[in-house]
């Protein structure tokens, strides 16, 4: 590669470099249960994320409903806020 071909703008060079042949012998086969373990781990993390999101949203919504109920007892009704009677 010459300095002229490396423009610094992310464009690929005309020369394509081949992978190092010495590294090809280091390639190991994937163990039979590896893909299953990775998939199960990703599913667990996704499920945990959804449970945490649901519990946060449910708690927040319950709090907002409670506050709305408490304010409506004292005459602060959200439905009448825009009306000027």
C-alpha atoms as a PDB file:
ATOM      1  CA  UNK A   1       0.000   0.000   0.000  1.00  0.00           C
ATOM      2  CA  UNK A   2       1.364   3.362  -0.889  1.00  0.00           C
ATOM      3  CA  UNK A   3       0.591   6.711   0.646  1.00  0.00           C
ATOM      4  CA  UNK A   4      -1.258   7.737  -2.523  1.00  0.00           C
ATOM      5  CA  UNK A   5      -3.795   4.897  -2.163  1.00  0.00           C
ATOM      6  CA  UNK A   6      -4.498   5.727   1.499  1.00  0.00           C
ATOM      7  CA  UNK A   7      -6.582   8.874   1.224  1.00  0.00           C
ATOM      8  CA  UNK A   8      -7.879   8.794   4.793  1.00  0.00           C
ATOM      9  CA  UNK A   9     -11.494   9.136   3.658  1.00  0.00           C
ATOM     10  CA  UNK A  10     -12.405   5.536   4.341  1.00  0.00           C
ATOM     11  CA  UNK A  11     -12.296   4.440   0.722  1.00  0.00           C
ATOM     12  CA  UNK A  12     -10.934   0.925   0.221  1.00  0.00           C
ATOM     13  CA  UNK A  13      -7.536   0.427  -1.321  1.00  0.00           C
ATOM     14  CA  UNK A  14      -7.222  -1.206  -4.708  1.00  0.00           C
ATOM     15  CA  UNK A  15      -5.107  -3.982  -3.203  1.00  0.00           C
ATOM     16  CA  UNK A  16      -6.966  -6.599  -1.213  1.00  0.00           C
ATOM     17  CA  UNK A  17      -4.908  -8.075   1.581  1.00  0.00           C
ATOM     18  CA  UNK A  18      -5.314 -11.803   2.114  1.00  0.00           C
ATOM     19  CA  UNK A  19      -5.763 -13.150   5.651  1.00  0.00           C
ATOM     20  CA  UNK A  20      -2.696 -14.407   7.444  1.00  0.00           C
ATOM     21  CA  UNK A  21      -2.280 -18.093   6.675  1.00  0.00           C
ATOM     22  CA  UNK A  22      -0.722 -18.849  10.060  1.00  0.00           C
ATOM     23  CA  UNK A  23      -3.946 -17.811  11.799  1.00  0.00           C
ATOM     24  CA  UNK A  24      -6.033 -20.240   9.759  1.00  0.00           C
ATOM     25  CA  UNK A  25      -4.683 -23.183  11.768  1.00  0.00           C
ATOM     26  CA  UNK A  26      -5.878 -21.568  15.015  1.00  0.00           C
ATOM     27  CA  UNK A  27      -9.490 -21.814  13.901  1.00  0.00           C
ATOM     28  CA  UNK A  28     -11.389 -24.128  16.245  1.00  0.00           C
ATOM     29  CA  UNK A  29     -14.702 -25.789  15.603  1.00  0.00           C
ATOM     30  CA  UNK A  30     -17.608 -24.562  17.672  1.00  0.00           C
ATOM     31  CA  UNK A  31     -18.585 -26.924  20.453  1.00  0.00           C
ATOM     32  CA  UNK A  32     -22.075 -28.423  20.063  1.00  0.00           C
ATOM     33  CA  UNK A  33     -23.689 -26.611  23.017  1.00  0.00           C
ATOM     34  CA  UNK A  34     -21.998 -23.252  22.495  1.00  0.00           C
ATOM     35  CA  UNK A  35     -24.652 -21.717  20.244  1.00  0.00           C
ATOM     36  CA  UNK A  36     -27.402 -22.961  22.585  1.00  0.00           C
ATOM     37  CA  UNK A  37     -25.668 -21.449  25.638  1.00  0.00           C
ATOM     38  CA  UNK A  38     -25.145 -18.102  23.911  1.00  0.00           C
ATOM     39  CA  UNK A  39     -28.753 -18.016  22.693  1.00  0.00           C
ATOM     40  CA  UNK A  40     -30.053 -18.907  26.163  1.00  0.00           C
ATOM     41  CA  UNK A  41     -27.906 -16.193  27.736  1.00  0.00           C
ATOM     42  CA  UNK A  42     -29.203 -13.587  25.288  1.00  0.00           C
ATOM     43  CA  UNK A  43     -32.792 -14.664  25.915  1.00  0.00           C
ATOM     44  CA  UNK A  44     -32.283 -14.434  29.697  1.00  0.00           C
ATOM     45  CA  UNK A  45     -30.891 -10.915  29.388  1.00  0.00           C
ATOM     46  CA  UNK A  46     -33.726  -9.877  27.103  1.00  0.00           C
ATOM     47  CA  UNK A  47     -36.325 -11.321  29.490  1.00  0.00           C
ATOM     48  CA  UNK A  48     -34.696  -9.575  32.451  1.00  0.00           C
ATOM     49  CA  UNK A  49     -34.691  -6.281  30.565  1.00  0.00           C
ATOM     50  CA  UNK A  50     -38.389  -6.652  29.740  1.00  0.00           C
ATOM     51  CA  UNK A  51     -39.280  -7.544  33.346  1.00  0.00           C
ATOM     52  CA  UNK A  52     -37.378  -4.539  34.704  1.00  0.00           C
ATOM     53  CA  UNK A  53     -39.000  -2.229  32.158  1.00  0.00           C
ATOM     54  CA  UNK A  54     -42.456  -3.591  32.974  1.00  0.00           C
ATOM     55  CA  UNK A  55     -41.949  -3.255  36.722  1.00  0.00           C
ATOM     56  CA  UNK A  56     -40.684   0.324  36.347  1.00  0.00           C
ATOM     57  CA  UNK A  57     -43.592   1.277  34.068  1.00  0.00           C
ATOM     58  CA  UNK A  58     -46.163  -0.438  36.311  1.00  0.00           C
ATOM     59  CA  UNK A  59     -44.810   1.311  39.404  1.00  0.00           C
ATOM     60  CA  UNK A  60     -44.766   4.686  37.649  1.00  0.00           C
ATOM     61  CA  UNK A  61     -48.301   4.245  36.288  1.00  0.00           C
ATOM     62  CA  UNK A  62     -49.636   3.165  39.699  1.00  0.00           C
ATOM     63  CA  UNK A  63     -48.024   6.217  41.310  1.00  0.00           C
ATOM     64  CA  UNK A  64     -49.509   8.545  38.693  1.00  0.00           C
ATOM     65  CA  UNK A  65     -52.973   7.006  39.141  1.00  0.00           C
ATOM     66  CA  UNK A  66     -52.706   7.381  42.908  1.00  0.00           C
ATOM     67  CA  UNK A  67     -51.653  11.026  42.612  1.00  0.00           C
ATOM     68  CA  UNK A  68     -54.431  11.715  40.117  1.00  0.00           C
ATOM     69  CA  UNK A  69     -56.953  10.157  42.509  1.00  0.00           C
ATOM     70  CA  UNK A  70     -55.567  12.152  45.463  1.00  0.00           C
ATOM     71  CA  UNK A  71     -55.645  15.440  43.531  1.00  0.00           C
ATOM     72  CA  UNK A  72     -59.184  14.795  42.284  1.00  0.00           C
ATOM     73  CA  UNK A  73     -60.319  14.481  45.935  1.00  0.00           C
ATOM     74  CA  UNK A  74     -59.117  18.039  46.565  1.00  0.00           C
ATOM     75  CA  UNK A  75     -60.661  19.526  43.426  1.00  0.00           C
ATOM     76  CA  UNK A  76     -57.654  19.450  41.104  1.00  0.00           C
ATOM     77  CA  UNK A  77     -59.274  17.592  38.236  1.00  0.00           C
ATOM     78  CA  UNK A  78     -57.170  17.201  35.063  1.00  0.00           C
ATOM     79  CA  UNK A  79     -60.230  17.020  32.819  1.00  0.00           C
ATOM     80  CA  UNK A  80     -61.401  20.500  33.894  1.00  0.00           C
ATOM     81  CA  UNK A  81     -57.993  22.149  33.644  1.00  0.00           C
ATOM     82  CA  UNK A  82     -58.556  23.677  30.172  1.00  0.00           C
ATOM     83  CA  UNK A  83     -62.091  24.925  30.883  1.00  0.00           C
ATOM     84  CA  UNK A  84     -62.744  28.415  32.292  1.00  0.00           C
ATOM     85  CA  UNK A  85     -66.144  28.202  34.036  1.00  0.00           C
END
